[in-house]
Amino acid sequence: MTYIDHYPEGQPAAARTLGDTPTIHPGCHILRSQVGAWTELGAGTSLVDVTFGDYSYTAGDAQIIYATIGKYCSIASHVRINPGNHPQWRVTQHHMTYRRKAFGLGQADDKEFFEWRKEHACHIGHDVWIGHGAIIMPGVSIGTGAVIGSGAVVTKDVGPYQVAVGVSAKVIKQRFPDEVVEQLLQSEWWNWDRATLEARFEDLLDLQTFLHKYTNVTA
């Protein structure tokens, strides 16, 4: 057996430090997107027409198009947000009908079709955890604090702090009672600036402490 401390040579992954400039690993593909501070895009991530909020990350091999991703989101590997959609109303739904230039069937691609795709953007709230291999279908919104189970196919909106699993995904529970959810949403802690986050960081580790200090309810 051969002991391997880290591979490839260079800075060990555990020693990396994030900062105001996004950490973008080799092999990522990014077009027309905005990426926030303290973010990390794992190897093989693809962003196209995406707004990617502060402190959010992908574990790698995620494909995201026409979407807004909130702050503090945890996106596991092989997640797909807004997968390709095809024109089912046409005689053929093949992508030659809208990627016409590549097939020599027109001087320009079908702008109207791509605008239709953009109109069905996905919206992911803050502090959302999306499990390995989950698929968020076009036009779906995921509320702040929600959890999407591994392998889920989400075809309908998921509310704040709800947990959804399965194919097609169904909400199985809510993380906290309604009054706690309301207070957490009103706190908007994800909008704290860096100095405030550092000063109050320990309070984020305990729900009772957070509610006592920053809301009007207790868990």
C-alpha atoms as a PDB file:
ATOM      1  CA  MET A   1       0.000   0.000   0.000  1.00  0.00           C
ATOM      2  CA  THR A   2       1.149   3.545  -0.754  1.00  0.00           C
ATOM      3  CA  TYR A   3       0.344   6.396   1.622  1.00  0.00           C
ATOM      4  CA  ILE A   4      -0.746   9.553  -0.253  1.00  0.00           C
ATOM      5  CA  ASP A   5      -0.834  12.783   1.731  1.00  0.00           C
ATOM      6  CA  HIS A   6      -2.306  14.784  -1.113  1.00  0.00           C
ATOM      7  CA  TYR A   7      -2.426  14.634  -4.901  1.00  0.00           C
ATOM      8  CA  PRO A   8      -1.621  16.412  -7.151  1.00  0.00           C
ATOM      9  CA  GLU A   9       1.374  18.215  -5.722  1.00  0.00           C
ATOM     10  CA  GLY A  10       0.792  21.703  -4.453  1.00  0.00           C
ATOM     11  CA  GLN A  11      -1.458  23.165  -1.790  1.00  0.00           C
ATOM     12  CA  PRO A  12      -3.544  20.465  -0.076  1.00  0.00           C
ATOM     13  CA  ALA A  13      -7.266  20.940  -0.580  1.00  0.00           C
ATOM     14  CA  ALA A  14      -7.875  21.203   3.167  1.00  0.00           C
ATOM     15  CA  ALA A  15      -5.504  24.171   3.390  1.00  0.00           C
ATOM     16  CA  ARG A  16      -7.257  26.355   0.825  1.00  0.00           C
ATOM     17  CA  THR A  17      -8.557  29.713   1.949  1.00  0.00           C
ATOM     18  CA  LEU A  18     -11.499  31.420   0.280  1.00  0.00           C
ATOM     19  CA  GLY A  19     -11.865  35.175  -0.072  1.00  0.00           C
ATOM     20  CA  ASP A  20     -13.500  38.051  -1.910  1.00  0.00           C
ATOM     21  CA  THR A  21     -12.335  36.642  -5.238  1.00  0.00           C
ATOM     22  CA  PRO A  22     -14.209  33.471  -6.263  1.00  0.00           C
ATOM     23  CA  THR A  23     -12.288  30.192  -6.129  1.00  0.00           C
ATOM     24  CA  ILE A  24     -12.813  28.581  -9.527  1.00  0.00           C
ATOM     25  CA  HIS A  25     -11.282  25.176 -10.068  1.00  0.00           C
ATOM     26  CA  PRO A  26      -9.783  24.005 -13.374  1.00  0.00           C
ATOM     27  CA  GLY A  27     -12.240  22.615 -15.862  1.00  0.00           C
ATOM     28  CA  CYS A  28     -15.082  25.012 -15.015  1.00  0.00           C
ATOM     29  CA  HIS A  29     -17.077  26.557 -17.861  1.00  0.00           C
ATOM     30  CA  ILE A  30     -18.590  29.993 -17.255  1.00  0.00           C
ATOM     31  CA  LEU A  31     -20.499  32.257 -19.633  1.00  0.00           C
ATOM     32  CA  ARG A  32     -22.267  35.581 -18.945  1.00  0.00           C
ATOM     33  CA  SER A  33     -22.473  34.917 -15.186  1.00  0.00           C
ATOM     34  CA  GLN A  34     -21.883  36.801 -11.960  1.00  0.00           C
ATOM     35  CA  VAL A  35     -20.156  35.038  -9.064  1.00  0.00           C
ATOM     36  CA  GLY A  36     -20.061  36.439  -5.531  1.00  0.00           C
ATOM     37  CA  ALA A  37     -17.391  36.611  -2.841  1.00  0.00           C
ATOM     38  CA  TRP A  38     -16.270  33.676  -0.691  1.00  0.00           C
ATOM     39  CA  THR A  39     -17.593  31.273  -3.308  1.00  0.00           C
ATOM     40  CA  GLU A  40     -16.116  28.069  -4.658  1.00  0.00           C
ATOM     41  CA  LEU A  41     -16.911  26.343  -7.942  1.00  0.00           C
ATOM     42  CA  GLY A  42     -15.807  22.731  -7.949  1.00  0.00           C
ATOM     43  CA  ALA A  43     -14.056  21.173 -10.918  1.00  0.00           C
ATOM     44  CA  GLY A  44     -16.327  20.564 -13.895  1.00  0.00           C
ATOM     45  CA  THR A  45     -18.944  23.134 -12.878  1.00  0.00           C
ATOM     46  CA  SER A  46     -20.747  24.916 -15.717  1.00  0.00           C
ATOM     47  CA  LEU A  47     -22.528  28.263 -15.295  1.00  0.00           C
ATOM     48  CA  VAL A  48     -24.385  29.935 -18.147  1.00  0.00           C
ATOM     49  CA  ASP A  49     -26.387  33.123 -17.531  1.00  0.00           C
ATOM     50  CA  VAL A  50     -26.269  32.573 -13.777  1.00  0.00           C
ATOM     51  CA  THR A  51     -26.078  34.840 -10.741  1.00  0.00           C
ATOM     52  CA  PHE A  52     -24.250  32.930  -7.995  1.00  0.00           C
ATOM     53  CA  GLY A  53     -24.476  34.437  -4.505  1.00  0.00           C
ATOM     54  CA  ASP A  54     -21.834  35.070  -1.854  1.00  0.00           C
ATOM     55  CA  TYR A  55     -20.546  32.076   0.163  1.00  0.00           C
ATOM     56  CA  SER A  56     -22.301  29.537  -2.079  1.00  0.00           C
ATOM     57  CA  TYR A  57     -20.424  26.598  -3.542  1.00  0.00           C
ATOM     58  CA  THR A  58     -20.682  23.635  -5.853  1.00  0.00           C
ATOM     59  CA  ALA A  59     -18.916  20.382  -5.052  1.00  0.00           C
ATOM     60  CA  GLY A  60     -18.188  19.867  -8.752  1.00  0.00           C
ATOM     61  CA  ASP A  61     -19.670  18.620 -12.012  1.00  0.00           C
ATOM     62  CA  ALA A  62     -22.735  20.827 -11.528  1.00  0.00           C
ATOM     63  CA  GLN A  63     -24.520  22.267 -14.553  1.00  0.00           C
ATOM     64  CA  ILE A  64     -26.498  25.451 -13.979  1.00  0.00           C
ATOM     65  CA  ILE A  65     -28.108  27.595 -16.667  1.00  0.00           C
ATOM     66  CA  TYR A  66     -30.591  30.492 -16.584  1.00  0.00           C
ATOM     67  CA  ALA A  67     -30.753  30.638 -12.791  1.00  0.00           C
ATOM     68  CA  THR A  68     -30.243  32.798  -9.737  1.00  0.00           C
ATOM     69  CA  ILE A  69     -28.526  31.138  -6.788  1.00  0.00           C
ATOM     70  CA  GLY A  70     -28.784  32.835  -3.397  1.00  0.00           C
ATOM     71  CA  LYS A  71     -26.126  33.225  -0.741  1.00  0.00           C
ATOM     72  CA  TYR A  72     -24.764  30.386   1.411  1.00  0.00           C
ATOM     73  CA  CYS A  73     -26.096  27.658  -0.881  1.00  0.00           C
ATOM     74  CA  SER A  74     -24.562  24.172  -0.727  1.00  0.00           C
ATOM     75  CA  ILE A  75     -24.771  22.428  -4.081  1.00  0.00           C
ATOM     76  CA  ALA A  76     -23.528  18.848  -4.164  1.00  0.00           C
ATOM     77  CA  SER A  77     -21.829  17.164  -7.100  1.00  0.00           C
ATOM     78  CA  HIS A  78     -23.662  16.307 -10.326  1.00  0.00           C
ATOM     79  CA  VAL A  79     -26.569  18.655  -9.640  1.00  0.00           C
ATOM     80  CA  ARG A  80     -28.406  20.004 -12.694  1.00  0.00           C
ATOM     81  CA  ILE A  81     -30.352  23.233 -12.374  1.00  0.00           C
ATOM     82  CA  ASN A  82     -32.592  24.095 -15.352  1.00  0.00           C
ATOM     83  CA  PRO A  83     -31.761  21.242 -17.727  1.00  0.00           C
ATOM     84  CA  GLY A  84     -32.305  21.619 -21.455  1.00  0.00           C
ATOM     85  CA  ASN A  85     -35.836  22.048 -22.694  1.00  0.00           C
ATOM     86  CA  HIS A  86     -37.023  21.152 -26.182  1.00  0.00           C
ATOM     87  CA  PRO A  87     -39.855  22.544 -28.371  1.00  0.00           C
ATOM     88  CA  GLN A  88     -42.374  19.756 -27.968  1.00  0.00           C
ATOM     89  CA  TRP A  89     -44.954  21.739 -29.962  1.00  0.00           C
ATOM     90  CA  ARG A  90     -42.934  21.458 -33.193  1.00  0.00           C
ATOM     91  CA  VAL A  91     -43.057  18.535 -35.602  1.00  0.00           C
ATOM     92  CA  THR A  92     -39.566  17.637 -34.427  1.00  0.00           C
ATOM     93  CA  GLN A  93     -38.198  18.645 -31.039  1.00  0.00           C
ATOM     94  CA  HIS A  94     -34.588  18.092 -32.165  1.00  0.00           C
ATOM     95  CA  HIS A  95     -32.182  20.908 -31.361  1.00  0.00           C
ATOM     96  CA  MET A  96     -31.525  21.494 -35.053  1.00  0.00           C
ATOM     97  CA  THR A  97     -34.726  23.549 -34.965  1.00  0.00           C
ATOM     98  CA  TYR A  98     -33.124  26.159 -32.719  1.00  0.00           C
ATOM     99  CA  ARG A  99     -29.356  25.556 -33.197  1.00  0.00           C
ATOM    100  CA  ARG A 100     -29.782  26.071 -36.911  1.00  0.00           C
ATOM    101  CA  LYS A 101     -26.321  27.404 -37.777  1.00  0.00           C
ATOM    102  CA  ALA A 102     -24.557  24.257 -36.591  1.00  0.00           C
ATOM    103  CA  PHE A 103     -26.658  22.151 -38.965  1.00  0.00           C
ATOM    104  CA  GLY A 104     -26.427  24.516 -41.912  1.00  0.00           C
ATOM    105  CA  LEU A 105     -30.171  25.153 -41.761  1.00  0.00           C
ATOM    106  CA  GLY A 106     -30.077  28.889 -41.239  1.00  0.00           C
ATOM    107  CA  GLN A 107     -27.861  31.941 -40.924  1.00  0.00           C
ATOM    108  CA  ALA A 108     -28.811  32.453 -37.283  1.00  0.00           C
ATOM    109  CA  ASP A 109     -30.063  30.410 -34.353  1.00  0.00           C
ATOM    110  CA  ASP A 110     -33.626  30.681 -33.074  1.00  0.00           C
ATOM    111  CA  LYS A 111     -33.460  33.650 -30.680  1.00  0.00           C
ATOM    112  CA  GLU A 112     -37.145  33.333 -29.799  1.00  0.00           C
ATOM    113  CA  PHE A 113     -36.601  29.801 -28.496  1.00  0.00           C
ATOM    114  CA  PHE A 114     -33.673  30.822 -26.307  1.00  0.00           C
ATOM    115  CA  GLU A 115     -35.661  33.758 -24.920  1.00  0.00           C
ATOM    116  CA  TRP A 116     -38.382  31.235 -24.027  1.00  0.00           C
ATOM    117  CA  ARG A 117     -35.748  29.189 -22.166  1.00  0.00           C
ATOM    118  CA  LYS A 118     -34.596  32.265 -20.249  1.00  0.00           C
ATOM    119  CA  GLU A 119     -38.172  33.078 -19.267  1.00  0.00           C
ATOM    120  CA  HIS A 120     -38.272  29.736 -17.448  1.00  0.00           C
ATOM    121  CA  ALA A 121     -35.345  30.540 -15.164  1.00  0.00           C
ATOM    122  CA  CYS A 122     -34.841  28.755 -11.852  1.00  0.00           C
ATOM    123  CA  HIS A 123     -34.616  30.694  -8.601  1.00  0.00           C
ATOM    124  CA  ILE A 124     -32.791  29.242  -5.595  1.00  0.00           C
ATOM    125  CA  GLY A 125     -33.096  31.097  -2.280  1.00  0.00           C
ATOM    126  CA  HIS A 126     -30.451  31.542   0.414  1.00  0.00           C
ATOM    127  CA  ASP A 127     -28.926  28.763   2.509  1.00  0.00           C
ATOM    128  CA  VAL A 128     -30.395  26.018   0.317  1.00  0.00           C
ATOM    129  CA  TRP A 129     -28.829  22.547   0.370  1.00  0.00           C
ATOM    130  CA  ILE A 130     -29.201  20.578  -2.869  1.00  0.00           C
ATOM    131  CA  GLY A 131     -28.123  16.941  -2.613  1.00  0.00           C
ATOM    132  CA  HIS A 132     -26.030  14.853  -4.976  1.00  0.00           C
ATOM    133  CA  GLY A 133     -27.466  14.303  -8.432  1.00  0.00           C
ATOM    134  CA  ALA A 134     -30.621  16.344  -7.872  1.00  0.00           C
ATOM    135  CA  ILE A 135     -32.316  17.962 -10.864  1.00  0.00           C
ATOM    136  CA  ILE A 136     -34.212  21.249 -10.597  1.00  0.00           C
ATOM    137  CA  MET A 137     -36.505  21.512 -13.608  1.00  0.00           C
ATOM    138  CA  PRO A 138     -37.054  24.719 -15.635  1.00  0.00           C
ATOM    139  CA  GLY A 139     -39.050  27.452 -13.949  1.00  0.00           C
ATOM    140  CA  VAL A 140     -38.871  25.959 -10.454  1.00  0.00           C
ATOM    141  CA  SER A 141     -38.196  28.116  -7.368  1.00  0.00           C
ATOM    142  CA  ILE A 142     -36.645  26.782  -4.169  1.00  0.00           C
ATOM    143  CA  GLY A 143     -37.243  28.794  -1.005  1.00  0.00           C
ATOM    144  CA  THR A 144     -34.617  29.934   1.466  1.00  0.00           C
ATOM    145  CA  GLY A 145     -33.433  27.295   3.913  1.00  0.00           C
ATOM    146  CA  ALA A 146     -34.886  24.391   1.919  1.00  0.00           C
ATOM    147  CA  VAL A 147     -33.306  20.953   1.505  1.00  0.00           C
ATOM    148  CA  ILE A 148     -33.476  18.961  -1.733  1.00  0.00           C
ATOM    149  CA  GLY A 149     -32.662  15.276  -1.312  1.00  0.00           C
ATOM    150  CA  SER A 150     -30.071  13.422  -3.353  1.00  0.00           C
ATOM    151  CA  GLY A 151     -31.389  12.224  -6.705  1.00  0.00           C
ATOM    152  CA  ALA A 152     -34.580  14.257  -6.439  1.00  0.00           C
ATOM    153  CA  VAL A 153     -36.264  15.591  -9.575  1.00  0.00           C
ATOM    154  CA  VAL A 154     -37.955  18.824  -8.559  1.00  0.00           C
ATOM    155  CA  THR A 155     -40.838  19.758 -10.861  1.00  0.00           C
ATOM    156  CA  LYS A 156     -42.748  22.105  -8.516  1.00  0.00           C
ATOM    157  CA  ASP A 157     -41.786  24.984  -6.263  1.00  0.00           C
ATOM    158  CA  VAL A 158     -40.476  24.146  -2.790  1.00  0.00           C
ATOM    159  CA  GLY A 159     -41.178  26.585   0.052  1.00  0.00           C
ATOM    160  CA  PRO A 160     -38.774  28.077   2.587  1.00  0.00           C
ATOM    161  CA  TYR A 161     -37.252  25.568   5.032  1.00  0.00           C
ATOM    162  CA  GLN A 162     -39.114  22.655   3.448  1.00  0.00           C
ATOM    163  CA  VAL A 163     -37.464  19.303   2.755  1.00  0.00           C
ATOM    164  CA  ALA A 164     -38.288  17.674  -0.587  1.00  0.00           C
ATOM    165  CA  VAL A 165     -37.180  14.235  -1.804  1.00  0.00           C
ATOM    166  CA  GLY A 166     -37.973  11.701  -4.505  1.00  0.00           C
ATOM    167  CA  VAL A 167     -39.020  11.491  -8.158  1.00  0.00           C
ATOM    168  CA  SER A 168     -40.917  13.602  -8.702  1.00  0.00           C
ATOM    169  CA  ALA A 169     -39.954  15.416  -5.520  1.00  0.00           C
ATOM    170  CA  LYS A 170     -42.490  15.779  -2.726  1.00  0.00           C
ATOM    171  CA  VAL A 171     -42.224  17.839   0.439  1.00  0.00           C
ATOM    172  CA  ILE A 172     -41.914  15.456   3.394  1.00  0.00           C
ATOM    173  CA  LYS A 173     -41.424  17.907   6.239  1.00  0.00           C
ATOM    174  CA  GLN A 174     -40.541  21.426   7.288  1.00  0.00           C
ATOM    175  CA  ARG A 175     -37.306  22.031   9.176  1.00  0.00           C
ATOM    176  CA  PHE A 176     -38.853  24.336  11.786  1.00  0.00           C
ATOM    177  CA  PRO A 177     -42.341  25.428  12.945  1.00  0.00           C
ATOM    178  CA  ASP A 178     -44.017  28.195  10.948  1.00  0.00           C
ATOM    179  CA  GLU A 179     -43.309  30.895  13.522  1.00  0.00           C
ATOM    180  CA  VAL A 180     -39.607  30.048  13.574  1.00  0.00           C
ATOM    181  CA  VAL A 181     -39.446  30.008   9.779  1.00  0.00           C
ATOM    182  CA  GLU A 182     -41.070  33.434   9.642  1.00  0.00           C
ATOM    183  CA  GLN A 183     -38.605  34.878  12.129  1.00  0.00           C
ATOM    184  CA  LEU A 184     -35.603  33.381  10.357  1.00  0.00           C
ATOM    185  CA  LEU A 185     -36.783  34.868   7.072  1.00  0.00           C
ATOM    186  CA  GLN A 186     -37.299  38.250   8.698  1.00  0.00           C
ATOM    187  CA  SER A 187     -33.829  38.159  10.248  1.00  0.00           C
ATOM    188  CA  GLU A 188     -32.188  38.070   6.796  1.00  0.00           C
ATOM    189  CA  TRP A 189     -28.940  36.989   8.469  1.00  0.00           C
ATOM    190  CA  TRP A 190     -27.547  36.072   5.047  1.00  0.00           C
ATOM    191  CA  ASN A 191     -27.288  39.806   4.321  1.00  0.00           C
ATOM    192  CA  TRP A 192     -24.953  40.463   7.260  1.00  0.00           C
ATOM    193  CA  ASP A 193     -21.734  42.110   6.155  1.00  0.00           C
ATOM    194  CA  ARG A 194     -18.436  40.365   6.800  1.00  0.00           C
ATOM    195  CA  ALA A 195     -17.717  42.165  10.075  1.00  0.00           C
ATOM    196  CA  THR A 196     -21.161  41.302  11.443  1.00  0.00           C
ATOM    197  CA  LEU A 197     -20.839  37.692  10.319  1.00  0.00           C
ATOM    198  CA  GLU A 198     -17.525  37.339  12.127  1.00  0.00           C
ATOM    199  CA  ALA A 199     -18.870  38.965  15.284  1.00  0.00           C
ATOM    200  CA  ARG A 200     -22.040  36.845  15.386  1.00  0.00           C
ATOM    201  CA  PHE A 201     -20.743  33.626  13.845  1.00  0.00           C
ATOM    202  CA  GLU A 202     -21.077  31.513  16.989  1.00  0.00           C
ATOM    203  CA  ASP A 203     -24.746  32.489  17.241  1.00  0.00           C
ATOM    204  CA  LEU A 204     -25.426  30.750  13.925  1.00  0.00           C
ATOM    205  CA  LEU A 205     -24.441  27.434  15.467  1.00  0.00           C
ATOM    206  CA  ASP A 206     -27.314  27.264  17.950  1.00  0.00           C
ATOM    207  CA  LEU A 207     -30.955  27.905  17.024  1.00  0.00           C
ATOM    208  CA  GLN A 208     -32.068  28.818  20.545  1.00  0.00           C
ATOM    209  CA  THR A 209     -29.306  31.379  20.925  1.00  0.00           C
ATOM    210  CA  PHE A 210     -30.028  32.902  17.530  1.00  0.00           C
ATOM    211  CA  LEU A 211     -33.760  33.164  18.153  1.00  0.00           C
ATOM    212  CA  HIS A 212     -33.198  34.678  21.585  1.00  0.00           C
ATOM    213  CA  LYS A 213     -30.845  37.360  20.276  1.00  0.00           C
ATOM    214  CA  TYR A 214     -32.310  38.247  16.920  1.00  0.00           C
ATOM    215  CA  THR A 215     -36.018  37.278  16.868  1.00  0.00           C
ATOM    216  CA  ASN A 216     -39.161  37.292  18.988  1.00  0.00           C
ATOM    217  CA  VAL A 217     -39.640  33.519  19.277  1.00  0.00           C
ATOM    218  CA  THR A 218     -37.960  30.513  20.850  1.00  0.00           C
ATOM    219  CA  ALA A 219     -37.573  27.087  19.295  1.00  0.00           C
END
